[in-house]
Amino acid sequence: MKRNTLMILLVVLVLALTIPGAFAQTFPTGGVSGIQVVNLDTSAALVTATYYAEDGTQYTLQDQTLAAQGDTYTYYSQPAEASTFSGAAILSADKQIAAVANTAFSSNGAGGAYGGSNTGSTTVLLPLVTKAYAGGSTAIGVQNTDTANSITAVITFSAQDSAKFSGDKTYTLQPGASQIIDLDLDSSFEDGWIGSASISPQDGSTPVVGSALIYTGNYVYAYSGFTATGTQWYLPLIRSEFAGLSTGVQVVNAGATDVSVTINYSGDVWLNYAGPDSAYTCTVTATLPASSSITFYNA
């Protein structure tokens, strides 16, 4: 019987690594990851979870049965036999499942969640990648979906500032495993670096999975890499100094020619937070060169 698989990148799991002094000032510590899996089928699902450390070491956990549709199970602080772990996991089941991963940090109470992938892709886009930009740096996770062979992953970095580093970097991924690439530890990237990244396998055919975790000493947020592009995207929550919070929109041009990007803002103005005082609309347009990104920031 064919089993359905989900690849889960665990950017940090039970973090107890030796951290250089400059890095330790910003990176939150005490990171523990959990994976929540749900049964989407109307009958019982048998779920197997295998964790892969970056060096390729495998840990296969006890099978879990999700008896009915909507039943869930949480893998937390796994694998238990590893005192420290940083890597990835693959969940497989005899029925349809879905899963998300969450990493929480005890040092600042922050955490980030992102969805698993059931296919991977030969092109994974990360629209927002930073190093010490507005205090935030990015850890990129890249996972090999081939559980039998190691591969080389190529990450193409594109800076918004043409004076800063742009180019390819390669990373070896063990079977089923991942690498965590922290820009804060790479001297190629200057402080204040902001841009995008595109991940692909060097062989051109092995699907990979990618995610990004952006952190400061005070907050963490994460997102799954994009495996599809489109001419129109919807952003349901945008804020500009609402309760002290503002939203930045990061757009990447994945094509080979320049494009014109238009953002249509539509919402309400709240002056005292008791209710909307007036309606608001605004249109912003920018030209985006090929393979580049831009940040629309609403402050």
C-alpha atoms as a PDB file:
ATOM      1  CA  MET A   1       0.000   0.000   0.000  1.00  0.00           C
ATOM      2  CA  LYS A   2       1.332   3.411  -0.930  1.00  0.00           C
ATOM      3  CA  ARG A   3       2.213   5.570   2.039  1.00  0.00           C
ATOM      4  CA  ASN A   4       1.753   9.326   2.102  1.00  0.00           C
ATOM      5  CA  THR A   5       4.789  11.262   3.267  1.00  0.00           C
ATOM      6  CA  LEU A   6       5.356  14.693   4.785  1.00  0.00           C
ATOM      7  CA  MET A   7       8.767  16.327   5.116  1.00  0.00           C
ATOM      8  CA  ILE A   8       9.203  18.513   8.192  1.00  0.00           C
ATOM      9  CA  LEU A   9      12.162  20.816   8.713  1.00  0.00           C
ATOM     10  CA  LEU A  10      13.042  21.290  12.354  1.00  0.00           C
ATOM     11  CA  VAL A  11      15.118  24.439  12.303  1.00  0.00           C
ATOM     12  CA  VAL A  12      16.071  23.994  15.940  1.00  0.00           C
ATOM     13  CA  LEU A  13      15.186  21.079  18.165  1.00  0.00           C
ATOM     14  CA  VAL A  14      16.467  20.790  21.730  1.00  0.00           C
ATOM     15  CA  LEU A  15      19.137  23.377  21.034  1.00  0.00           C
ATOM     16  CA  ALA A  16      22.227  22.994  23.195  1.00  0.00           C
ATOM     17  CA  LEU A  17      24.973  23.897  20.766  1.00  0.00           C
ATOM     18  CA  THR A  18      28.164  25.860  21.361  1.00  0.00           C
ATOM     19  CA  ILE A  19      27.387  29.366  20.131  1.00  0.00           C
ATOM     20  CA  PRO A  20      29.994  32.063  19.382  1.00  0.00           C
ATOM     21  CA  GLY A  21      29.716  35.097  21.651  1.00  0.00           C
ATOM     22  CA  ALA A  22      28.467  37.581  19.040  1.00  0.00           C
ATOM     23  CA  PHE A  23      25.812  35.117  17.902  1.00  0.00           C
ATOM     24  CA  ALA A  24      24.683  34.281  21.428  1.00  0.00           C
ATOM     25  CA  GLN A  25      23.677  37.917  22.031  1.00  0.00           C
ATOM     26  CA  THR A  26      20.798  37.701  19.568  1.00  0.00           C
ATOM     27  CA  PHE A  27      19.868  34.075  18.921  1.00  0.00           C
ATOM     28  CA  PRO A  28      17.208  32.815  21.348  1.00  0.00           C
ATOM     29  CA  THR A  29      18.211  29.704  23.284  1.00  0.00           C
ATOM     30  CA  GLY A  30      16.426  26.727  24.762  1.00  0.00           C
ATOM     31  CA  GLY A  31      14.704  25.827  21.497  1.00  0.00           C
ATOM     32  CA  VAL A  32      12.388  22.802  21.474  1.00  0.00           C
ATOM     33  CA  SER A  33      10.335  21.677  18.468  1.00  0.00           C
ATOM     34  CA  GLY A  34       6.997  19.931  18.255  1.00  0.00           C
ATOM     35  CA  ILE A  35       5.273  18.362  15.252  1.00  0.00           C
ATOM     36  CA  GLN A  36       1.472  18.165  15.159  1.00  0.00           C
ATOM     37  CA  VAL A  37       0.034  15.602  12.724  1.00  0.00           C
ATOM     38  CA  VAL A  38      -3.659  15.178  11.889  1.00  0.00           C
ATOM     39  CA  ASN A  39      -5.538  12.358  10.179  1.00  0.00           C
ATOM     40  CA  LEU A  40      -7.486  13.665   7.182  1.00  0.00           C
ATOM     41  CA  ASP A  41      -9.047  10.328   6.265  1.00  0.00           C
ATOM     42  CA  THR A  42     -12.334   8.846   7.477  1.00  0.00           C
ATOM     43  CA  SER A  43     -10.600   5.672   8.701  1.00  0.00           C
ATOM     44  CA  ALA A  44      -7.647   4.977  10.995  1.00  0.00           C
ATOM     45  CA  ALA A  45      -4.205   6.164   9.911  1.00  0.00           C
ATOM     46  CA  LEU A  46      -0.929   4.513  10.951  1.00  0.00           C
ATOM     47  CA  VAL A  47       1.808   7.167  11.171  1.00  0.00           C
ATOM     48  CA  THR A  48       5.560   6.555  11.202  1.00  0.00           C
ATOM     49  CA  ALA A  49       7.987   9.352  12.089  1.00  0.00           C
ATOM     50  CA  THR A  50      11.689   9.228  11.227  1.00  0.00           C
ATOM     51  CA  TYR A  51      13.999  12.008  12.388  1.00  0.00           C
ATOM     52  CA  TYR A  52      17.197  12.799  10.481  1.00  0.00           C
ATOM     53  CA  ALA A  53      20.103  14.628  12.095  1.00  0.00           C
ATOM     54  CA  GLU A  54      22.243  16.815   9.839  1.00  0.00           C
ATOM     55  CA  ASP A  55      24.957  14.129   9.692  1.00  0.00           C
ATOM     56  CA  GLY A  56      22.404  11.593   8.422  1.00  0.00           C
ATOM     57  CA  THR A  57      21.826   9.749  11.707  1.00  0.00           C
ATOM     58  CA  GLN A  58      18.291   8.347  11.736  1.00  0.00           C
ATOM     59  CA  TYR A  59      15.850   7.904  14.624  1.00  0.00           C
ATOM     60  CA  THR A  60      12.608   6.022  13.878  1.00  0.00           C
ATOM     61  CA  LEU A  61       9.925   6.557  16.492  1.00  0.00           C
ATOM     62  CA  GLN A  62       7.164   4.207  17.579  1.00  0.00           C
ATOM     63  CA  ASP A  63       4.222   4.131  15.171  1.00  0.00           C
ATOM     64  CA  GLN A  64       1.140   6.104  16.154  1.00  0.00           C
ATOM     65  CA  THR A  65      -2.452   5.249  15.250  1.00  0.00           C
ATOM     66  CA  LEU A  66      -4.873   8.104  14.607  1.00  0.00           C
ATOM     67  CA  ALA A  67      -8.187   6.303  14.866  1.00  0.00           C
ATOM     68  CA  ALA A  68     -10.580   8.770  13.252  1.00  0.00           C
ATOM     69  CA  GLN A  69     -10.714  11.775  10.955  1.00  0.00           C
ATOM     70  CA  GLY A  70      -9.446  14.846  12.796  1.00  0.00           C
ATOM     71  CA  ASP A  71      -7.486  12.885  15.393  1.00  0.00           C
ATOM     72  CA  THR A  72      -4.075  14.402  16.136  1.00  0.00           C
ATOM     73  CA  TYR A  73      -0.780  13.459  17.731  1.00  0.00           C
ATOM     74  CA  THR A  74       2.049  15.716  18.865  1.00  0.00           C
ATOM     75  CA  TYR A  75       5.703  14.690  18.667  1.00  0.00           C
ATOM     76  CA  TYR A  76       7.414  16.920  21.206  1.00  0.00           C
ATOM     77  CA  SER A  77      11.118  17.195  22.047  1.00  0.00           C
ATOM     78  CA  GLN A  78      11.962  14.195  19.906  1.00  0.00           C
ATOM     79  CA  PRO A  79      13.984  12.082  19.353  1.00  0.00           C
ATOM     80  CA  ALA A  80      14.171  11.349  23.073  1.00  0.00           C
ATOM     81  CA  GLU A  81      17.415   9.344  22.768  1.00  0.00           C
ATOM     82  CA  ALA A  82      19.318  12.349  21.362  1.00  0.00           C
ATOM     83  CA  SER A  83      20.520  14.778  24.035  1.00  0.00           C
ATOM     84  CA  THR A  84      20.726  17.534  21.410  1.00  0.00           C
ATOM     85  CA  PHE A  85      19.312  17.532  17.921  1.00  0.00           C
ATOM     86  CA  SER A  86      19.080  19.798  14.895  1.00  0.00           C
ATOM     87  CA  GLY A  87      17.666  18.404  11.699  1.00  0.00           C
ATOM     88  CA  ALA A  88      14.495  17.282   9.968  1.00  0.00           C
ATOM     89  CA  ALA A  89      11.776  14.651  10.054  1.00  0.00           C
ATOM     90  CA  ILE A  90       9.737  12.646   7.597  1.00  0.00           C
ATOM     91  CA  LEU A  91       6.239  11.489   8.558  1.00  0.00           C
ATOM     92  CA  SER A  92       4.620   8.737   6.509  1.00  0.00           C
ATOM     93  CA  ALA A  93       1.172   7.181   6.802  1.00  0.00           C
ATOM     94  CA  ASP A  94      -1.147   4.763   5.037  1.00  0.00           C
ATOM     95  CA  LYS A  95      -3.812   7.490   4.891  1.00  0.00           C
ATOM     96  CA  GLN A  96      -3.849  11.191   4.059  1.00  0.00           C
ATOM     97  CA  ILE A  97      -2.263  13.346   6.785  1.00  0.00           C
ATOM     98  CA  ALA A  98      -1.170  16.946   7.319  1.00  0.00           C
ATOM     99  CA  ALA A  99       1.412  18.324   9.748  1.00  0.00           C
ATOM    100  CA  VAL A 100       2.900  21.536  11.102  1.00  0.00           C
ATOM    101  CA  ALA A 101       6.095  22.135  13.065  1.00  0.00           C
ATOM    102  CA  ASN A 102       6.592  24.640  15.841  1.00  0.00           C
ATOM    103  CA  THR A 103       9.778  25.686  17.617  1.00  0.00           C
ATOM    104  CA  ALA A 104       9.536  27.551  20.919  1.00  0.00           C
ATOM    105  CA  PHE A 105      12.425  29.191  22.794  1.00  0.00           C
ATOM    106  CA  SER A 106      12.616  29.417  26.573  1.00  0.00           C
ATOM    107  CA  SER A 107      15.015  32.378  26.588  1.00  0.00           C
ATOM    108  CA  ASN A 108      12.479  34.864  25.249  1.00  0.00           C
ATOM    109  CA  GLY A 109       9.183  32.984  25.118  1.00  0.00           C
ATOM    110  CA  ALA A 110       9.058  33.379  21.319  1.00  0.00           C
ATOM    111  CA  GLY A 111       8.301  30.749  18.714  1.00  0.00           C
ATOM    112  CA  GLY A 112       7.617  30.161  15.039  1.00  0.00           C
ATOM    113  CA  ALA A 113       5.434  27.647  13.173  1.00  0.00           C
ATOM    114  CA  TYR A 114       5.424  26.458   9.565  1.00  0.00           C
ATOM    115  CA  GLY A 115       3.744  23.748   7.495  1.00  0.00           C
ATOM    116  CA  GLY A 116       5.188  20.498   6.227  1.00  0.00           C
ATOM    117  CA  SER A 117       5.514  19.578   2.556  1.00  0.00           C
ATOM    118  CA  ASN A 118       4.255  16.391   0.938  1.00  0.00           C
ATOM    119  CA  THR A 119       6.223  16.743  -2.293  1.00  0.00           C
ATOM    120  CA  GLY A 120       9.107  19.165  -2.093  1.00  0.00           C
ATOM    121  CA  SER A 121      10.147  20.989  -5.246  1.00  0.00           C
ATOM    122  CA  THR A 122      13.113  21.558  -7.522  1.00  0.00           C
ATOM    123  CA  THR A 123      12.676  25.308  -6.919  1.00  0.00           C
ATOM    124  CA  VAL A 124      11.905  26.698  -3.467  1.00  0.00           C
ATOM    125  CA  LEU A 125      11.650  30.475  -3.036  1.00  0.00           C
ATOM    126  CA  LEU A 126      12.346  32.352   0.197  1.00  0.00           C
ATOM    127  CA  PRO A 127      11.207  35.946  -0.443  1.00  0.00           C
ATOM    128  CA  LEU A 128      12.634  37.389   2.792  1.00  0.00           C
ATOM    129  CA  VAL A 129      16.140  36.583   4.046  1.00  0.00           C
ATOM    130  CA  THR A 130      18.179  38.855   6.329  1.00  0.00           C
ATOM    131  CA  LYS A 131      21.389  39.259   8.278  1.00  0.00           C
ATOM    132  CA  ALA A 132      21.343  41.748  11.174  1.00  0.00           C
ATOM    133  CA  TYR A 133      18.702  43.781   9.312  1.00  0.00           C
ATOM    134  CA  ALA A 134      16.642  45.828  11.787  1.00  0.00           C
ATOM    135  CA  GLY A 135      18.060  43.435  14.378  1.00  0.00           C
ATOM    136  CA  GLY A 136      16.820  40.274  12.618  1.00  0.00           C
ATOM    137  CA  SER A 137      18.817  37.437  11.053  1.00  0.00           C
ATOM    138  CA  THR A 138      17.654  34.341   9.189  1.00  0.00           C
ATOM    139  CA  ALA A 139      18.325  30.643   9.604  1.00  0.00           C
ATOM    140  CA  ILE A 140      17.447  28.716   6.431  1.00  0.00           C
ATOM    141  CA  GLY A 141      16.554  25.029   6.592  1.00  0.00           C
ATOM    142  CA  VAL A 142      17.004  22.865   3.476  1.00  0.00           C
ATOM    143  CA  GLN A 143      15.951  19.201   3.392  1.00  0.00           C
ATOM    144  CA  ASN A 144      16.766  16.376   0.988  1.00  0.00           C
ATOM    145  CA  THR A 145      13.641  14.337   0.133  1.00  0.00           C
ATOM    146  CA  ASP A 146      15.742  11.426  -1.190  1.00  0.00           C
ATOM    147  CA  THR A 147      16.175   8.982   1.707  1.00  0.00           C
ATOM    148  CA  ALA A 148      18.692   6.814  -0.166  1.00  0.00           C
ATOM    149  CA  ASN A 149      21.211   9.279  -1.633  1.00  0.00           C
ATOM    150  CA  SER A 150      22.981  12.467  -0.586  1.00  0.00           C
ATOM    151  CA  ILE A 151      22.594  15.503  -2.838  1.00  0.00           C
ATOM    152  CA  THR A 152      24.037  18.972  -3.297  1.00  0.00           C
ATOM    153  CA  ALA A 153      21.655  21.862  -2.796  1.00  0.00           C
ATOM    154  CA  VAL A 154      22.315  25.217  -4.439  1.00  0.00           C
ATOM    155  CA  ILE A 155      21.028  28.382  -2.780  1.00  0.00           C
ATOM    156  CA  THR A 156      21.046  31.506  -4.930  1.00  0.00           C
ATOM    157  CA  PHE A 157      21.061  34.652  -2.794  1.00  0.00           C
ATOM    158  CA  SER A 158      19.893  37.965  -4.256  1.00  0.00           C
ATOM    159  CA  ALA A 159      20.509  41.139  -2.252  1.00  0.00           C
ATOM    160  CA  GLN A 160      18.268  44.187  -2.567  1.00  0.00           C
ATOM    161  CA  ASP A 161      21.402  46.334  -2.327  1.00  0.00           C
ATOM    162  CA  SER A 162      23.581  45.722  -5.400  1.00  0.00           C
ATOM    163  CA  ALA A 163      26.678  46.590  -3.369  1.00  0.00           C
ATOM    164  CA  LYS A 164      26.152  43.597  -1.075  1.00  0.00           C
ATOM    165  CA  PHE A 165      26.780  39.894  -1.720  1.00  0.00           C
ATOM    166  CA  SER A 166      24.675  38.068  -4.303  1.00  0.00           C
ATOM    167  CA  GLY A 167      25.485  34.645  -5.690  1.00  0.00           C
ATOM    168  CA  ASP A 168      25.334  30.875  -5.260  1.00  0.00           C
ATOM    169  CA  LYS A 169      26.348  28.749  -2.291  1.00  0.00           C
ATOM    170  CA  THR A 170      26.293  24.934  -2.228  1.00  0.00           C
ATOM    171  CA  TYR A 171      25.501  22.581   0.636  1.00  0.00           C
ATOM    172  CA  THR A 172      25.700  18.786   0.938  1.00  0.00           C
ATOM    173  CA  LEU A 173      22.542  17.155   2.289  1.00  0.00           C
ATOM    174  CA  GLN A 174      22.635  13.597   3.617  1.00  0.00           C
ATOM    175  CA  PRO A 175      19.766  11.196   2.684  1.00  0.00           C
ATOM    176  CA  GLY A 176      16.513  12.501   4.140  1.00  0.00           C
ATOM    177  CA  ALA A 177      18.430  15.047   6.159  1.00  0.00           C
ATOM    178  CA  SER A 178      18.708  18.816   6.246  1.00  0.00           C
ATOM    179  CA  GLN A 179      21.197  21.577   6.816  1.00  0.00           C
ATOM    180  CA  ILE A 180      20.570  24.709   8.818  1.00  0.00           C
ATOM    181  CA  ILE A 181      22.282  27.725   7.221  1.00  0.00           C
ATOM    182  CA  ASP A 182      22.472  30.720   9.544  1.00  0.00           C
ATOM    183  CA  LEU A 183      23.372  33.938   7.730  1.00  0.00           C
ATOM    184  CA  ASP A 184      24.579  35.439  10.983  1.00  0.00           C
ATOM    185  CA  LEU A 185      27.489  32.971  10.934  1.00  0.00           C
ATOM    186  CA  ASP A 186      28.460  33.533   7.284  1.00  0.00           C
ATOM    187  CA  SER A 187      30.965  36.321   6.682  1.00  0.00           C
ATOM    188  CA  SER A 188      29.883  36.615   3.027  1.00  0.00           C
ATOM    189  CA  PHE A 189      26.856  38.529   4.244  1.00  0.00           C
ATOM    190  CA  GLU A 190      27.326  42.007   5.676  1.00  0.00           C
ATOM    191  CA  ASP A 191      25.261  43.313   8.551  1.00  0.00           C
ATOM    192  CA  GLY A 192      22.158  44.976   7.136  1.00  0.00           C
ATOM    193  CA  TRP A 193      21.814  42.370   4.344  1.00  0.00           C
ATOM    194  CA  ILE A 194      18.238  41.912   3.106  1.00  0.00           C
ATOM    195  CA  GLY A 195      17.056  40.061   0.042  1.00  0.00           C
ATOM    196  CA  SER A 196      15.714  36.724  -1.147  1.00  0.00           C
ATOM    197  CA  ALA A 197      16.934  33.190  -1.795  1.00  0.00           C
ATOM    198  CA  SER A 198      16.097  30.437  -4.250  1.00  0.00           C
ATOM    199  CA  ILE A 199      16.878  26.793  -3.425  1.00  0.00           C
ATOM    200  CA  SER A 200      17.372  24.063  -6.030  1.00  0.00           C
ATOM    201  CA  PRO A 201      19.084  20.663  -6.277  1.00  0.00           C
ATOM    202  CA  GLN A 202      22.325  20.627  -8.245  1.00  0.00           C
ATOM    203  CA  ASP A 203      21.145  17.503 -10.108  1.00  0.00           C
ATOM    204  CA  GLY A 204      18.052  19.388 -11.258  1.00  0.00           C
ATOM    205  CA  SER A 205      15.651  16.600 -10.332  1.00  0.00           C
ATOM    206  CA  THR A 206      15.639  15.750  -6.609  1.00  0.00           C
ATOM    207  CA  PRO A 207      12.923  17.711  -4.795  1.00  0.00           C
ATOM    208  CA  VAL A 208      14.012  19.715  -1.769  1.00  0.00           C
ATOM    209  CA  VAL A 209      12.104  21.372   1.070  1.00  0.00           C
ATOM    210  CA  GLY A 210      12.947  24.801   2.446  1.00  0.00           C
ATOM    211  CA  SER A 211      11.915  27.052   5.304  1.00  0.00           C
ATOM    212  CA  ALA A 212      13.145  30.226   6.954  1.00  0.00           C
ATOM    213  CA  LEU A 213      13.298  31.216  10.613  1.00  0.00           C
ATOM    214  CA  ILE A 214      13.905  34.915  11.282  1.00  0.00           C
ATOM    215  CA  TYR A 215      14.978  35.803  14.786  1.00  0.00           C
ATOM    216  CA  THR A 216      16.141  38.479  17.183  1.00  0.00           C
ATOM    217  CA  GLY A 217      16.682  38.225  20.901  1.00  0.00           C
ATOM    218  CA  ASN A 218      13.037  39.197  21.405  1.00  0.00           C
ATOM    219  CA  TYR A 219      10.990  37.490  18.710  1.00  0.00           C
ATOM    220  CA  VAL A 220      10.992  34.630  16.215  1.00  0.00           C
ATOM    221  CA  TYR A 221       8.848  33.990  13.163  1.00  0.00           C
ATOM    222  CA  ALA A 222       9.034  31.381  10.448  1.00  0.00           C
ATOM    223  CA  TYR A 223       7.571  30.509   7.068  1.00  0.00           C
ATOM    224  CA  SER A 224       7.628  27.653   4.599  1.00  0.00           C
ATOM    225  CA  GLY A 225       9.377  28.179   1.272  1.00  0.00           C
ATOM    226  CA  PHE A 226       7.173  28.855  -1.753  1.00  0.00           C
ATOM    227  CA  THR A 227       7.054  26.163  -4.439  1.00  0.00           C
ATOM    228  CA  ALA A 228       4.668  27.984  -6.785  1.00  0.00           C
ATOM    229  CA  THR A 229       4.454  31.478  -8.205  1.00  0.00           C
ATOM    230  CA  GLY A 230       1.506  33.495  -9.450  1.00  0.00           C
ATOM    231  CA  THR A 231       0.468  36.871 -10.801  1.00  0.00           C
ATOM    232  CA  GLN A 232      -1.863  37.652  -7.896  1.00  0.00           C
ATOM    233  CA  TRP A 233      -1.568  37.043  -4.156  1.00  0.00           C
ATOM    234  CA  TYR A 234      -3.940  37.936  -1.318  1.00  0.00           C
ATOM    235  CA  LEU A 235      -2.673  39.220   2.039  1.00  0.00           C
ATOM    236  CA  PRO A 236      -5.565  39.158   4.541  1.00  0.00           C
ATOM    237  CA  LEU A 237      -3.858  41.004   7.417  1.00  0.00           C
ATOM    238  CA  ILE A 238      -1.993  44.301   6.944  1.00  0.00           C
ATOM    239  CA  ARG A 239      -1.373  46.782   9.783  1.00  0.00           C
ATOM    240  CA  SER A 240       0.133  50.263   9.901  1.00  0.00           C
ATOM    241  CA  GLU A 241       0.811  51.403  13.454  1.00  0.00           C
ATOM    242  CA  PHE A 242      -2.231  49.455  14.614  1.00  0.00           C
ATOM    243  CA  ALA A 243      -1.767  48.692  18.326  1.00  0.00           C
ATOM    244  CA  GLY A 244       1.859  49.613  17.745  1.00  0.00           C
ATOM    245  CA  LEU A 245       2.369  47.050  14.967  1.00  0.00           C
ATOM    246  CA  SER A 246       3.133  47.510  11.261  1.00  0.00           C
ATOM    247  CA  THR A 247       3.369  45.056   8.379  1.00  0.00           C
ATOM    248  CA  GLY A 248       6.045  44.656   5.731  1.00  0.00           C
ATOM    249  CA  VAL A 249       5.232  42.956   2.429  1.00  0.00           C
ATOM    250  CA  GLN A 250       8.101  41.174   0.716  1.00  0.00           C
ATOM    251  CA  VAL A 251       7.753  40.507  -3.027  1.00  0.00           C
ATOM    252  CA  VAL A 252      10.210  38.510  -5.139  1.00  0.00           C
ATOM    253  CA  ASN A 253      10.363  38.402  -8.941  1.00  0.00           C
ATOM    254  CA  ALA A 254      11.049  34.778  -9.852  1.00  0.00           C
ATOM    255  CA  GLY A 255      11.175  35.501 -13.582  1.00  0.00           C
ATOM    256  CA  ALA A 256      13.906  36.442 -16.030  1.00  0.00           C
ATOM    257  CA  THR A 257      12.466  39.850 -16.989  1.00  0.00           C
ATOM    258  CA  ASP A 258      11.456  42.999 -15.122  1.00  0.00           C
ATOM    259  CA  VAL A 259       7.890  43.159 -13.811  1.00  0.00           C
ATOM    260  CA  SER A 260       5.648  45.911 -12.489  1.00  0.00           C
ATOM    261  CA  VAL A 261       4.266  45.095  -9.044  1.00  0.00           C
ATOM    262  CA  THR A 262       1.112  46.763  -7.710  1.00  0.00           C
ATOM    263  CA  ILE A 263      -0.229  46.472  -4.182  1.00  0.00           C
ATOM    264  CA  ASN A 264      -3.812  47.571  -3.554  1.00  0.00           C
ATOM    265  CA  TYR A 265      -4.380  48.326   0.116  1.00  0.00           C
ATOM    266  CA  SER A 266      -7.939  48.393   1.415  1.00  0.00           C
ATOM    267  CA  GLY A 267      -9.070  48.659   5.029  1.00  0.00           C
ATOM    268  CA  ASP A 268     -10.213  50.880   7.851  1.00  0.00           C
ATOM    269  CA  VAL A 269      -8.622  53.639   9.910  1.00  0.00           C
ATOM    270  CA  TRP A 270      -9.019  53.182  13.681  1.00  0.00           C
ATOM    271  CA  LEU A 271      -8.183  56.208  15.803  1.00  0.00           C
ATOM    272  CA  ASN A 272      -9.134  54.956  19.271  1.00  0.00           C
ATOM    273  CA  TYR A 273      -9.476  51.193  18.621  1.00  0.00           C
ATOM    274  CA  ALA A 274     -13.154  51.286  19.559  1.00  0.00           C
ATOM    275  CA  GLY A 275     -14.161  50.779  15.941  1.00  0.00           C
ATOM    276  CA  PRO A 276     -13.321  51.937  12.401  1.00  0.00           C
ATOM    277  CA  ASP A 277     -13.458  55.707  11.936  1.00  0.00           C
ATOM    278  CA  SER A 278     -13.071  55.807   8.149  1.00  0.00           C
ATOM    279  CA  ALA A 279     -12.288  53.663   5.143  1.00  0.00           C
ATOM    280  CA  TYR A 280      -8.843  53.648   3.555  1.00  0.00           C
ATOM    281  CA  THR A 281      -7.558  52.653   0.145  1.00  0.00           C
ATOM    282  CA  CYS A 282      -4.130  53.077  -1.406  1.00  0.00           C
ATOM    283  CA  THR A 283      -2.255  51.783  -4.443  1.00  0.00           C
ATOM    284  CA  VAL A 284       1.530  51.436  -4.558  1.00  0.00           C
ATOM    285  CA  THR A 285       3.432  50.401  -7.705  1.00  0.00           C
ATOM    286  CA  ALA A 286       7.090  49.526  -8.203  1.00  0.00           C
ATOM    287  CA  THR A 287       9.224  48.000 -10.956  1.00  0.00           C
ATOM    288  CA  LEU A 288      10.998  44.851  -9.839  1.00  0.00           C
ATOM    289  CA  PRO A 289      14.050  43.640 -11.819  1.00  0.00           C
ATOM    290  CA  ALA A 290      14.454  39.969 -12.664  1.00  0.00           C
ATOM    291  CA  SER A 291      15.456  37.674  -9.767  1.00  0.00           C
ATOM    292  CA  SER A 292      15.196  40.465  -7.216  1.00  0.00           C
ATOM    293  CA  SER A 293      12.990  41.382  -4.282  1.00  0.00           C
ATOM    294  CA  ILE A 294      11.497  44.493  -2.756  1.00  0.00           C
ATOM    295  CA  THR A 295      10.024  45.337   0.639  1.00  0.00           C
ATOM    296  CA  PHE A 296       6.866  47.424   0.974  1.00  0.00           C
ATOM    297  CA  TYR A 297       6.831  48.566   4.583  1.00  0.00           C
ATOM    298  CA  ASN A 298       3.790  50.223   6.090  1.00  0.00           C
ATOM    299  CA  ALA A 299       4.912  52.390   8.981  1.00  0.00           C
END
